[in-house]
Amino acid sequence: MAKTLELKFGTSIGKTKTMSVKDPLLDVSSAVAQKAMADIIQLNMFEIEGVNPYSTSLSARYVERLVTDIFETE
């Protein structure tokens, strides 16, 4: 099962932006996630067409994805 860490941010125009981390550490605490997100926000190095996509932290969560192949062409 593939796991991803999703970090949800609020943009500077009130929308939501998700940053996904593949193969993350699986024991990240709430405090560590919040600190990492605050560090990303403080860098203030991202801007897309005048919009800061990482303006505020909203949430962090692990997402598991289970893929079951039905068939595969060789």
Protein backbone atom coordinates (compact mmCIF):
# COMPACT_ATOMS: atom_id res chain seq x y z
CA MET A 1 0.00 0.00 0.00
CA ALA A 2 1.41 3.38 -1.02
CA LYS A 3 1.40 6.07 1.66
CA THR A 4 1.56 9.80 1.09
CA LEU A 5 1.75 12.71 3.52
CA GLU A 6 -0.62 15.47 2.43
CA LEU A 7 -0.01 18.99 3.71
CA LYS A 8 -2.97 21.30 3.10
CA PHE A 9 -2.31 25.03 2.93
CA GLY A 10 -4.50 28.06 2.46
CA THR A 11 -3.46 30.36 -0.38
CA SER A 12 -3.24 34.13 -0.15
CA ILE A 13 -6.58 34.36 -2.03
CA GLY A 14 -8.48 31.96 0.22
CA LYS A 15 -8.22 28.75 -1.81
CA THR A 16 -6.68 25.42 -0.79
CA LYS A 17 -3.36 24.02 -2.03
CA THR A 18 -2.09 20.52 -1.24
CA MET A 19 1.56 19.50 -1.11
CA SER A 20 2.06 15.71 -1.31
CA VAL A 21 5.14 13.90 -0.01
CA LYS A 22 5.71 10.36 -1.31
CA ASP A 23 7.19 7.73 1.02
CA PRO A 24 7.16 9.99 4.10
CA LEU A 25 8.35 9.18 7.60
CA LEU A 26 5.41 7.44 9.24
CA ASP A 27 5.78 8.75 12.78
CA VAL A 28 5.46 12.50 12.18
CA SER A 29 3.73 14.15 15.13
CA SER A 30 1.28 17.01 14.91
CA ALA A 31 3.87 19.40 16.36
CA VAL A 32 6.53 18.38 13.81
CA ALA A 33 4.09 18.69 10.90
CA GLN A 34 2.95 22.12 12.07
CA LYS A 35 6.56 23.28 12.47
CA ALA A 36 7.50 22.02 8.99
CA MET A 37 4.50 23.77 7.46
CA ALA A 38 5.33 26.99 9.33
CA ASP A 39 8.89 26.78 7.96
CA ILE A 40 7.56 26.39 4.40
CA ILE A 41 5.28 29.39 4.89
CA GLN A 42 8.08 31.49 6.42
CA LEU A 43 10.35 30.85 3.42
CA ASN A 44 7.86 32.84 1.32
CA MET A 45 9.60 31.60 -1.83
CA PHE A 46 6.62 30.41 -3.84
CA GLU A 47 4.46 32.69 -5.94
CA ILE A 48 2.29 31.80 -8.91
CA GLU A 49 0.84 34.72 -10.86
CA GLY A 50 0.96 36.97 -7.80
CA VAL A 51 -0.60 34.36 -5.48
CA ASN A 52 1.24 32.75 -2.56
CA PRO A 53 0.02 29.12 -2.63
CA TYR A 54 1.44 28.39 0.84
CA SER A 55 0.11 31.22 2.99
CA THR A 56 -1.43 29.43 6.00
CA SER A 57 -1.37 25.87 7.31
CA LEU A 58 -4.70 24.04 7.37
CA SER A 59 -4.03 20.34 7.98
CA ALA A 60 -1.70 17.39 7.56
CA ARG A 61 -2.69 13.77 7.02
CA TYR A 62 -1.45 10.42 5.84
CA VAL A 63 -3.22 8.95 2.83
CA GLU A 64 -3.02 5.27 1.92
CA ARG A 65 -3.81 4.13 -1.58
CA LEU A 66 -4.56 0.55 -2.47
CA VAL A 67 -4.29 -0.34 -6.15
CA THR A 68 -5.70 -3.62 -7.42
CA ASP A 69 -4.85 -4.42 -11.02
CA ILE A 70 -7.65 -6.03 -13.00
CA PHE A 71 -5.44 -6.81 -15.99
CA GLU A 72 -2.21 -5.62 -17.52
CA THR A 73 -1.06 -5.83 -21.13
CA GLU A 74 2.49 -7.07 -21.47
